[in-house]
């Protein structure tokens, strides 16, 4: 690191002051990462479960490396940006470095003492014990940090122009929609679920359009899904056919969604199905599965892609819409989130799941204008600007965590 410092500054315009320390801390796990990574690849070709088990070990070592990198980046003035570094300064740096090395080589007595000290230290078991204990302690801390608690967590995942909502309590997980990208949903679930947990208790498919379904097809392939709640309407698309085929071949219990159903998520959380109505409405979006999630005094209304027509139907049917947090319908489309609907829901916070610079112009300026009145723009969060949006509640208090 010391040898390439000036070259890094010259070509990349940055000097990292914590680089030597970060490298020193990272070195102990690099052999482990290489060895376990190779073993995971080799054994994974022969026996996938064994490869996955070794892969978990790789994950632990890589997590330690990420902690070192992120912690180093948090050090005040960890790096300094520079416009350029003159060639004369580079020459001067290497001249001083060469001079220091030459002077050191001439100090035979000092070198002898240093070598004796190093030899003495090398004979002590501490040299090996301390780094190993530090690494083990870090890995145990990382594993403990990923253990779920008993609070309810509702995460609006950053999957681009689509919906994906992960609901977690304890070791149970419910996934509502999967967004438009298999890669995005895989990355988001990897960030939110413990690395050893590949089970999702319930997957809800609100409607079979690609911006909600594409990621769910990948989820069925990669995770053990215990049960599916989905819209039961005729719909023709190769993606939907693949979805139905996977449910059938994996023998997953599938329940058609209908208004009036209740799902009990543990002893404290209730999920009400408010939509689709009977008989079904004309527009596919208006038949989307709408859920209201409640824990104690805190509630979430997940409005899927319904339009004003379905919103007014829900109001007319006196559905229980009043909620603390509103997932704005249809990514903020102008055809949804009517003033009447907002008045009945009366949200304190709102979330818009939307892709950055999307081709549809979502969210609509009209919808933003309505949200400005209630709940206020300071209480509106968007995945295109805030990344993953996480709510955590114990039924009385509500905490918010933003990815950016």
Protein backbone atom coordinates (compact mmCIF):
# COMPACT_ATOMS: atom_id res chain seq x y z
CA UNK A 1 0.00 0.00 0.00
CA UNK A 2 2.78 2.40 0.91
CA UNK A 3 4.54 1.60 -2.36
CA UNK A 4 1.57 2.48 -4.58
CA UNK A 5 0.20 5.43 -2.58
CA UNK A 6 1.52 8.17 -4.90
CA UNK A 7 0.49 6.29 -8.04
CA UNK A 8 -3.04 5.86 -6.70
CA UNK A 9 -3.17 9.56 -5.89
CA UNK A 10 -1.86 10.49 -9.33
CA UNK A 11 -4.17 8.29 -11.43
CA UNK A 12 -7.33 8.21 -9.28
CA UNK A 13 -7.14 11.57 -7.48
CA UNK A 14 -7.50 10.16 -3.97
CA UNK A 15 -5.29 9.39 -0.99
CA UNK A 16 -6.59 6.80 1.48
CA UNK A 17 -5.12 7.37 4.93
CA UNK A 18 -6.77 4.25 6.36
CA UNK A 19 -5.63 2.02 3.49
CA UNK A 20 -2.64 0.47 5.32
CA UNK A 21 -4.69 -0.31 8.44
CA UNK A 22 -7.63 -1.66 6.43
CA UNK A 23 -5.29 -3.89 4.46
CA UNK A 24 -3.65 -5.15 7.65
CA UNK A 25 -7.04 -6.06 9.12
CA UNK A 26 -8.22 -7.69 5.90
CA UNK A 27 -5.17 -9.86 5.27
CA UNK A 28 -5.99 -12.62 7.85
CA UNK A 29 -9.23 -13.64 6.09
CA UNK A 30 -8.05 -13.44 2.47
CA UNK A 31 -6.65 -17.00 2.39
CA UNK A 32 -9.84 -18.29 4.02
CA UNK A 33 -11.97 -16.50 1.40
CA UNK A 34 -9.95 -17.95 -1.47
CA UNK A 35 -9.87 -21.50 -0.07
CA UNK A 36 -13.52 -21.69 1.00
CA UNK A 37 -14.62 -19.99 -2.22
CA UNK A 38 -12.84 -22.59 -4.33
CA UNK A 39 -14.20 -25.43 -2.15
CA UNK A 40 -17.75 -24.08 -2.45
CA UNK A 41 -17.41 -23.95 -6.24
CA UNK A 42 -15.91 -27.43 -6.54
CA UNK A 43 -18.23 -29.23 -4.12
CA UNK A 44 -21.21 -27.29 -5.46
CA UNK A 45 -20.68 -28.98 -8.83
CA UNK A 46 -20.92 -32.40 -7.16
CA UNK A 47 -23.35 -31.87 -4.29
CA UNK A 48 -25.26 -28.58 -4.18
CA UNK A 49 -26.23 -28.69 -0.43
CA UNK A 50 -22.59 -29.20 0.54
CA UNK A 51 -21.53 -26.35 -1.73
CA UNK A 52 -24.18 -24.13 -0.14
CA UNK A 53 -23.02 -25.06 3.36
CA UNK A 54 -19.45 -24.11 2.50
CA UNK A 55 -20.83 -20.99 0.82
CA UNK A 56 -22.27 -19.90 4.18
CA UNK A 57 -18.73 -20.07 5.57
CA UNK A 58 -17.52 -17.95 2.65
CA UNK A 59 -20.28 -15.48 3.49
CA UNK A 60 -19.02 -15.16 7.08
CA UNK A 61 -15.47 -14.37 5.97
CA UNK A 62 -16.69 -11.97 3.28
CA UNK A 63 -18.93 -10.27 5.84
CA UNK A 64 -15.90 -9.67 8.04
CA UNK A 65 -14.12 -8.15 5.04
CA UNK A 66 -17.10 -5.90 4.32
CA UNK A 67 -17.18 -4.77 7.95
CA UNK A 68 -13.50 -3.82 7.73
CA UNK A 69 -14.08 -1.87 4.51
CA UNK A 70 -17.22 -0.10 5.73
CA UNK A 71 -15.73 0.70 9.14
CA UNK A 72 -12.61 2.10 7.50
CA UNK A 73 -14.74 4.28 5.24
CA UNK A 74 -16.50 5.72 8.32
CA UNK A 75 -13.26 7.00 9.83
CA UNK A 76 -13.25 10.84 9.67
CA UNK A 77 -11.02 12.05 6.86
CA UNK A 78 -10.44 8.44 5.78
CA UNK A 79 -9.55 9.63 2.32
CA UNK A 80 -8.60 12.91 0.71
CA UNK A 81 -9.48 13.83 -2.84
CA UNK A 82 -6.88 15.74 -4.83
CA UNK A 83 -7.02 17.34 -8.23
CA UNK A 84 -3.65 16.02 -9.33
CA UNK A 85 -0.25 15.01 -8.03
CA UNK A 86 2.78 16.47 -9.75
CA UNK A 87 5.41 14.11 -11.09
CA UNK A 88 8.08 15.89 -9.04
CA UNK A 89 6.25 14.98 -5.81
CA UNK A 90 6.04 11.34 -6.90
CA UNK A 91 9.77 11.30 -7.55
CA UNK A 92 10.43 12.97 -4.18
CA UNK A 93 8.22 10.40 -2.38
CA UNK A 94 10.07 7.44 -3.85
CA UNK A 95 13.41 9.09 -3.21
CA UNK A 96 12.55 9.49 0.48
CA UNK A 97 11.24 5.91 0.63
CA UNK A 98 14.43 4.57 -0.97
CA UNK A 99 16.55 6.64 1.39
CA UNK A 100 14.67 5.27 4.42
CA UNK A 101 15.17 1.71 3.20
CA UNK A 102 18.86 2.31 2.57
CA UNK A 103 19.34 3.93 6.01
CA UNK A 104 17.53 1.04 7.63
CA UNK A 105 19.79 -1.49 5.93
CA UNK A 106 22.81 0.26 7.41
CA UNK A 107 21.64 0.00 10.97
CA UNK A 108 22.79 -3.52 11.60
CA UNK A 109 22.45 -3.40 15.35
CA UNK A 110 18.95 -2.01 15.20
CA UNK A 111 17.97 -4.55 12.59
CA UNK A 112 19.39 -7.30 14.76
CA UNK A 113 17.38 -6.16 17.74
CA UNK A 114 14.24 -5.92 15.64
CA UNK A 115 14.76 -9.42 14.28
CA UNK A 116 15.25 -10.81 17.76
CA UNK A 117 12.10 -9.10 18.93
CA UNK A 118 10.17 -10.40 15.94
CA UNK A 119 11.52 -13.89 16.54
CA UNK A 120 10.49 -13.70 20.20
CA UNK A 121 7.00 -12.52 19.26
CA UNK A 122 6.69 -15.26 16.67
CA UNK A 123 7.26 -17.90 19.33
CA UNK A 124 4.40 -16.64 21.42
CA UNK A 125 0.98 -18.24 20.79
CA UNK A 126 -0.60 -14.79 21.12
CA UNK A 127 0.49 -14.03 17.58
CA UNK A 128 -1.90 -16.66 16.34
CA UNK A 129 -4.54 -16.57 19.05
CA UNK A 130 -5.36 -12.85 19.03
CA UNK A 131 -6.11 -12.48 15.28
CA UNK A 132 -8.16 -15.67 15.31
CA UNK A 133 -10.15 -14.53 18.36
CA UNK A 134 -10.77 -11.14 16.76
CA UNK A 135 -12.05 -12.77 13.58
CA UNK A 136 -14.23 -15.26 15.50
CA UNK A 137 -15.67 -12.49 17.66
CA UNK A 138 -16.46 -10.45 14.55
CA UNK A 139 -18.11 -13.39 12.78
CA UNK A 140 -20.20 -14.26 15.86
CA UNK A 141 -21.28 -10.63 16.11
CA UNK A 142 -22.29 -10.63 12.45
CA UNK A 143 -24.28 -13.84 12.85
CA UNK A 144 -26.00 -12.46 15.97
CA UNK A 145 -26.79 -9.21 14.17
CA UNK A 146 -28.72 -11.10 11.48
CA UNK A 147 -30.91 -12.92 13.98
CA UNK A 148 -34.51 -11.66 13.81
CA UNK A 149 -36.23 -10.03 16.78
CA UNK A 150 -39.91 -10.11 17.77
CA UNK A 151 -40.83 -6.75 16.25
CA UNK A 152 -42.76 -6.46 13.02
CA UNK A 153 -40.67 -5.31 10.07
CA UNK A 154 -42.24 -4.14 6.82
CA UNK A 155 -39.68 -3.44 4.10
CA UNK A 156 -40.56 -1.83 0.79
CA UNK A 157 -37.80 -3.25 -1.35
CA UNK A 158 -35.90 -1.28 -3.97
CA UNK A 159 -36.62 -3.36 -7.08
CA UNK A 160 -37.09 -0.61 -9.67
CA UNK A 161 -40.39 0.06 -11.43
CA UNK A 162 -42.50 -2.46 -9.55
CA UNK A 163 -43.66 -3.64 -6.15
CA UNK A 164 -41.98 -5.96 -3.64
CA UNK A 165 -42.78 -5.85 0.08
CA UNK A 166 -41.19 -8.13 2.68
CA UNK A 167 -43.03 -8.60 5.98
CA UNK A 168 -41.02 -10.20 8.81
CA UNK A 169 -41.75 -11.14 12.40
CA UNK A 170 -39.45 -13.45 14.26
CA UNK A 171 -38.41 -16.20 11.88
CA UNK A 172 -41.50 -15.86 9.67
CA UNK A 173 -41.57 -14.06 6.35
CA UNK A 174 -44.28 -12.97 3.93
CA UNK A 175 -43.39 -11.58 0.50
CA UNK A 176 -45.93 -9.45 -1.35
CA UNK A 177 -45.00 -9.25 -5.06
CA UNK A 178 -41.49 -9.59 -6.49
CA UNK A 179 -40.90 -6.63 -8.77
CA UNK A 180 -39.74 -6.68 -12.41
CA UNK A 181 -36.20 -8.04 -11.95
CA UNK A 182 -35.01 -11.48 -10.73
CA UNK A 183 -31.62 -9.96 -9.89
CA UNK A 184 -33.07 -7.08 -7.87
CA UNK A 185 -35.39 -9.22 -5.75
CA UNK A 186 -32.59 -11.71 -5.11
CA UNK A 187 -30.27 -8.96 -3.92
CA UNK A 188 -32.89 -7.34 -1.71
CA UNK A 189 -33.96 -10.60 -0.08
CA UNK A 190 -30.31 -11.47 0.47
CA UNK A 191 -29.87 -8.20 2.33
CA UNK A 192 -32.95 -8.64 4.50
CA UNK A 193 -33.20 -12.36 5.24
CA UNK A 194 -30.68 -14.32 7.36
CA UNK A 195 -28.20 -16.06 5.08
CA UNK A 196 -29.20 -19.50 6.38
CA UNK A 197 -32.95 -18.94 5.91
CA UNK A 198 -34.30 -19.98 2.50
CA UNK A 199 -37.94 -20.35 3.55
CA UNK A 200 -40.76 -17.90 2.85
CA UNK A 201 -43.97 -18.77 4.67
CA UNK A 202 -46.34 -16.97 2.33
CA UNK A 203 -45.99 -15.34 -1.08
CA UNK A 204 -48.76 -12.96 -2.15
CA UNK A 205 -49.11 -12.25 -5.86
CA UNK A 206 -51.36 -9.20 -6.07
CA UNK A 207 -51.86 -9.52 -9.85
CA UNK A 208 -49.98 -11.21 -12.70
CA UNK A 209 -48.48 -8.23 -14.52
CA UNK A 210 -44.73 -8.43 -15.09
CA UNK A 211 -43.72 -5.59 -12.75
CA UNK A 212 -45.14 -7.61 -9.85
CA UNK A 213 -44.70 -11.20 -11.01
CA UNK A 214 -41.25 -11.48 -12.67
CA UNK A 215 -39.31 -11.52 -9.42
CA UNK A 216 -41.76 -13.96 -7.81
CA UNK A 217 -41.02 -16.58 -10.46
CA UNK A 218 -37.36 -16.39 -9.43
CA UNK A 219 -38.36 -16.59 -5.75
CA UNK A 220 -40.25 -19.85 -6.36
CA UNK A 221 -37.11 -21.26 -7.98
CA UNK A 222 -34.64 -20.18 -5.29
CA UNK A 223 -36.63 -20.37 -2.06
CA UNK A 224 -38.83 -22.87 -0.29
CA UNK A 225 -42.28 -21.25 -0.42
CA UNK A 226 -44.82 -22.83 1.92
CA UNK A 227 -47.97 -21.21 0.56
CA UNK A 228 -49.19 -18.80 -2.13
CA UNK A 229 -52.09 -16.35 -2.01
CA UNK A 230 -52.84 -15.02 -5.48
CA UNK A 231 -55.40 -13.44 -7.73
CA UNK A 232 -57.48 -16.12 -9.41
CA UNK A 233 -58.42 -14.65 -12.78
CA UNK A 234 -57.85 -15.68 -16.37
CA UNK A 235 -54.67 -14.12 -17.73
CA UNK A 236 -52.52 -15.10 -20.68
CA UNK A 237 -48.76 -14.65 -20.64
CA UNK A 238 -45.75 -17.00 -20.78
CA UNK A 239 -44.57 -15.60 -17.44
CA UNK A 240 -47.89 -16.36 -15.75
CA UNK A 241 -47.89 -19.85 -17.25
CA UNK A 242 -44.41 -20.43 -15.77
CA UNK A 243 -45.65 -19.19 -12.40
CA UNK A 244 -48.55 -21.65 -12.42
CA UNK A 245 -46.28 -24.47 -13.59
CA UNK A 246 -43.81 -23.87 -10.74
CA UNK A 247 -46.61 -23.90 -8.17
CA UNK A 248 -47.83 -27.20 -9.56
CA UNK A 249 -44.44 -28.96 -9.90
CA UNK A 250 -43.28 -27.83 -6.43
CA UNK A 251 -46.63 -28.79 -4.89
CA UNK A 252 -47.12 -25.40 -3.23
CA UNK A 253 -50.47 -24.81 -1.58
CA UNK A 254 -52.22 -22.01 -3.49
CA UNK A 255 -55.23 -20.13 -2.14
CA UNK A 256 -57.32 -17.74 -4.31
CA UNK A 257 -57.52 -14.29 -2.73
CA UNK A 258 -60.90 -12.77 -1.94
CA UNK A 259 -62.12 -9.93 0.19
CA UNK A 260 -62.90 -10.92 3.77
CA UNK A 261 -60.01 -13.34 4.30
CA UNK A 262 -57.85 -12.94 7.41
CA UNK A 263 -54.28 -14.12 7.90
CA UNK A 264 -52.89 -14.38 11.43
CA UNK A 265 -49.16 -13.76 11.38
CA UNK A 266 -48.13 -14.90 14.84
CA UNK A 267 -50.26 -13.94 17.83
CA UNK A 268 -50.11 -10.16 17.38
CA UNK A 269 -50.28 -9.45 13.65
CA UNK A 270 -53.40 -9.64 11.48
CA UNK A 271 -53.57 -9.27 7.71
CA UNK A 272 -56.97 -8.50 6.17
CA UNK A 273 -57.69 -9.06 2.47
CA UNK A 274 -59.81 -6.09 1.32
CA UNK A 275 -59.76 -6.74 -2.43
CA UNK A 276 -60.59 -8.32 -4.96
CA UNK A 277 -64.32 -7.78 -4.88
CA UNK A 278 -67.06 -10.16 -5.97
CA UNK A 279 -67.99 -10.01 -8.80
CA UNK A 280 -64.62 -8.92 -10.23
CA UNK A 281 -64.18 -5.50 -11.80
CA UNK A 282 -63.32 -4.98 -15.48
CA UNK A 283 -59.76 -3.67 -15.11
CA UNK A 284 -57.08 -6.18 -14.06
CA UNK A 285 -55.47 -3.56 -11.80
CA UNK A 286 -58.76 -3.03 -9.98
CA UNK A 287 -58.82 -6.70 -9.05
CA UNK A 288 -55.40 -6.51 -7.38
CA UNK A 289 -55.05 -8.04 -3.93
CA UNK A 290 -55.22 -5.22 -1.37
CA UNK A 291 -53.99 -6.00 2.14
CA UNK A 292 -54.27 -4.23 5.48
CA UNK A 293 -51.62 -5.25 7.98
CA UNK A 294 -52.14 -4.47 11.68
CA UNK A 295 -50.06 -4.81 14.83
CA UNK A 296 -51.42 -3.04 17.87
CA UNK A 297 -51.95 0.62 17.06
CA UNK A 298 -49.87 0.56 13.86
CA UNK A 299 -51.29 -0.43 10.47
CA UNK A 300 -50.18 -0.63 6.84
CA UNK A 301 -52.44 -0.44 3.76
CA UNK A 302 -50.86 -2.15 0.75
CA UNK A 303 -52.95 -0.83 -2.14
CA UNK A 304 -51.26 -2.76 -4.97
CA UNK A 305 -52.22 -1.26 -8.38
CA UNK A 306 -55.89 -0.40 -7.86
CA UNK A 307 -57.32 2.68 -9.59
CA UNK A 308 -59.89 5.19 -8.40
CA UNK A 309 -62.72 2.85 -9.47
CA UNK A 310 -61.64 0.17 -7.00
CA UNK A 311 -60.86 2.77 -4.35
CA UNK A 312 -64.42 4.08 -4.51
CA UNK A 313 -65.78 0.52 -4.38
CA UNK A 314 -63.81 -0.09 -1.19
CA UNK A 315 -65.15 3.13 0.32
CA UNK A 316 -68.71 2.22 -0.66
CA UNK A 317 -68.29 -1.23 0.92
CA UNK A 318 -67.09 0.44 4.14
CA UNK A 319 -63.83 -1.47 4.09
CA UNK A 320 -61.51 -0.84 7.01
CA UNK A 321 -59.03 1.51 5.25
CA UNK A 322 -57.77 3.77 8.04
CA UNK A 323 -54.02 3.13 8.24
CA UNK A 324 -50.80 4.57 9.64
CA UNK A 325 -48.78 3.87 6.48
CA UNK A 326 -50.14 3.84 2.92
CA UNK A 327 -48.37 2.06 0.10
CA UNK A 328 -49.49 4.39 -2.69
CA UNK A 329 -51.33 2.49 -5.41
CA UNK A 330 -49.91 1.87 -8.90
CA UNK A 331 -46.54 3.56 -8.27
CA UNK A 332 -48.19 6.97 -7.96
CA UNK A 333 -50.16 6.81 -11.22
CA UNK A 334 -52.59 9.68 -11.79
CA UNK A 335 -55.45 7.15 -12.07
CA UNK A 336 -55.07 6.18 -8.40
CA UNK A 337 -54.93 7.75 -4.93
CA UNK A 338 -58.09 9.81 -5.24
CA UNK A 339 -58.77 12.59 -2.72
CA UNK A 340 -61.70 10.59 -1.33
CA UNK A 341 -59.51 7.54 -0.82
CA UNK A 342 -56.79 9.56 0.92
CA UNK A 343 -59.37 11.14 3.21
CA UNK A 344 -60.66 7.74 4.34
CA UNK A 345 -57.22 6.12 4.71
CA UNK A 346 -55.93 9.20 6.57
CA UNK A 347 -52.28 8.05 6.51
CA UNK A 348 -49.50 9.51 8.64
CA UNK A 349 -46.86 8.25 6.19
CA UNK A 350 -46.86 7.18 2.55
CA UNK A 351 -44.54 5.06 0.43
CA UNK A 352 -44.26 5.11 -3.35
CA UNK A 353 -42.58 2.09 -4.92
CA UNK A 354 -41.26 3.44 -8.20
CA UNK A 355 -38.30 3.13 -10.54
CA UNK A 356 -35.91 6.01 -11.16
CA UNK A 357 -36.53 7.90 -14.43
CA UNK A 358 -39.25 5.42 -15.42
CA UNK A 359 -40.95 5.68 -18.82
CA UNK A 360 -44.42 6.19 -17.29
CA UNK A 361 -43.67 9.45 -15.51
CA UNK A 362 -44.55 7.95 -12.13
CA UNK A 363 -45.32 9.35 -9.67
CA UNK A 364 -47.81 11.78 -11.17
CA UNK A 365 -47.62 15.45 -10.19
CA UNK A 366 -51.32 15.29 -9.36
CA UNK A 367 -50.77 12.48 -6.89
CA UNK A 368 -47.82 14.30 -5.35
CA UNK A 369 -50.06 17.33 -4.97
CA UNK A 370 -52.68 15.28 -3.13
CA UNK A 371 -50.04 13.73 -0.88
CA UNK A 372 -48.70 17.19 -0.13
CA UNK A 373 -51.98 17.92 1.65
CA UNK A 374 -52.07 14.58 3.46
CA UNK A 375 -49.74 13.27 4.89
CA UNK A 376 -47.39 16.08 3.73
CA UNK A 377 -44.38 15.70 1.43
CA UNK A 378 -41.99 15.41 4.39
CA UNK A 379 -43.81 12.17 5.24
CA UNK A 380 -43.70 10.69 1.72
CA UNK A 381 -40.89 8.26 0.89
CA UNK A 382 -39.94 6.86 -2.52
CA UNK A 383 -37.81 3.86 -3.42
CA UNK A 384 -36.28 5.74 -6.38
CA UNK A 385 -34.92 8.38 -3.98
CA UNK A 386 -34.66 6.57 -0.63
CA UNK A 387 -33.84 3.04 -1.78
CA UNK A 388 -35.18 0.31 0.50
CA UNK A 389 -37.69 1.74 3.00
CA UNK A 390 -38.04 -0.20 6.26
CA UNK A 391 -40.61 0.22 9.00
CA UNK A 392 -40.18 -1.46 12.39
CA UNK A 393 -42.90 -1.50 15.03
CA UNK A 394 -43.73 -3.08 18.38
CA UNK A 395 -47.39 -2.19 17.95
CA UNK A 396 -47.08 1.16 19.73
CA UNK A 397 -44.02 2.90 18.33
CA UNK A 398 -42.94 3.02 14.70
CA UNK A 399 -39.34 3.36 13.52
CA UNK A 400 -38.21 4.21 10.00
CA UNK A 401 -34.94 3.20 8.34
CA UNK A 402 -33.90 4.38 4.86
CA UNK A 403 -31.22 2.86 2.66
CA UNK A 404 -30.23 6.31 1.38
